[in-house]
Protein backbone atom coordinates (compact mmCIF):
# COMPACT_ATOMS: atom_id res chain seq x y z
CA MET A 1 -2.51 -10.56 10.47
CA LYS A 2 0.72 -8.68 9.88
CA ALA A 3 3.66 -8.75 12.28
CA ALA A 4 3.71 -4.94 12.28
CA GLU A 5 0.15 -4.92 13.65
CA LEU A 6 1.09 -7.39 16.36
CA ARG A 7 4.22 -5.48 17.42
CA GLY A 8 2.06 -2.58 18.56
CA LYS A 9 0.15 -4.77 21.01
CA SER A 10 1.03 -5.36 24.64
CA GLU A 11 2.08 -8.74 25.97
CA GLN A 12 -1.38 -9.32 27.48
CA ASP A 13 -3.04 -8.49 24.17
CA LEU A 14 -0.72 -10.94 22.42
CA GLN A 15 -1.61 -13.65 24.95
CA GLN A 16 -5.31 -13.03 24.29
CA GLU A 17 -4.70 -13.06 20.53
CA LEU A 18 -2.90 -16.39 20.87
CA LEU A 19 -5.81 -17.89 22.81
CA ASP A 20 -8.25 -16.69 20.17
CA LEU A 21 -6.13 -18.17 17.39
CA LEU A 22 -5.84 -21.51 19.18
CA LYS A 23 -9.62 -21.60 19.59
CA ALA A 24 -10.03 -20.77 15.91
CA GLN A 25 -7.63 -23.58 15.02
CA PHE A 26 -9.62 -26.01 17.14
CA GLY A 27 -12.84 -24.89 15.46
CA LEU A 28 -11.30 -25.43 12.04
CA ARG A 29 -10.18 -28.93 13.02
CA MET A 30 -13.71 -29.77 14.18
CA GLN A 31 -15.21 -28.39 10.97
CA HIS A 32 -12.74 -30.42 8.93
CA ALA A 33 -13.51 -33.58 10.90
CA THR A 34 -17.24 -33.17 10.30
CA GLN A 35 -16.62 -32.26 6.64
CA GLN A 36 -18.12 -28.79 7.00
CA LEU A 37 -14.95 -26.88 6.13
CA ALA A 38 -15.02 -25.48 2.61
CA ASP A 39 -11.72 -23.53 2.58
CA VAL A 40 -8.86 -25.70 3.81
CA SER A 41 -6.33 -22.90 3.27
CA GLN A 42 -7.55 -21.34 6.52
CA PHE A 43 -5.49 -23.96 8.38
CA ARG A 44 -2.29 -22.50 6.98
CA LYS A 45 -3.28 -18.91 7.72
CA VAL A 46 -4.19 -19.62 11.32
CA ARG A 47 -1.12 -21.76 11.88
CA ARG A 48 1.15 -18.98 10.61
CA ASP A 49 -0.64 -16.36 12.71
CA ILE A 50 -0.07 -18.56 15.77
CA ALA A 51 3.64 -18.82 14.93
CA ARG A 52 3.88 -15.05 14.41
CA THR A 53 2.21 -14.36 17.75
CA ARG A 54 4.40 -16.85 19.62
CA THR A 55 7.52 -15.38 18.05
CA LEU A 56 6.61 -11.88 19.16
CA LEU A 57 5.77 -13.10 22.66
CA ALA A 58 9.22 -14.70 22.85
CA GLU A 59 10.85 -11.49 21.66
CA LYS A 60 9.04 -9.43 24.28
CA SER A 61 9.94 -11.85 27.05
CA ARG A 62 13.63 -11.70 26.06
CA GLN A 63 13.56 -7.90 26.15
CA ALA A 64 12.13 -7.84 29.65
């Protein structure tokens, strides 16, 4: 997900997006633990999306 896409979202939408990403990260960890995960690069993508979302949430909270 691009930062430009996330900037258009409200703070509540970003919170929901963060929760969804954290759930996805948990699911990936469980798949990896049970050796069902085929594409390990998804870890990196989800981790970076989480960082992007948290950064934008911090920016919005500083503006308010």
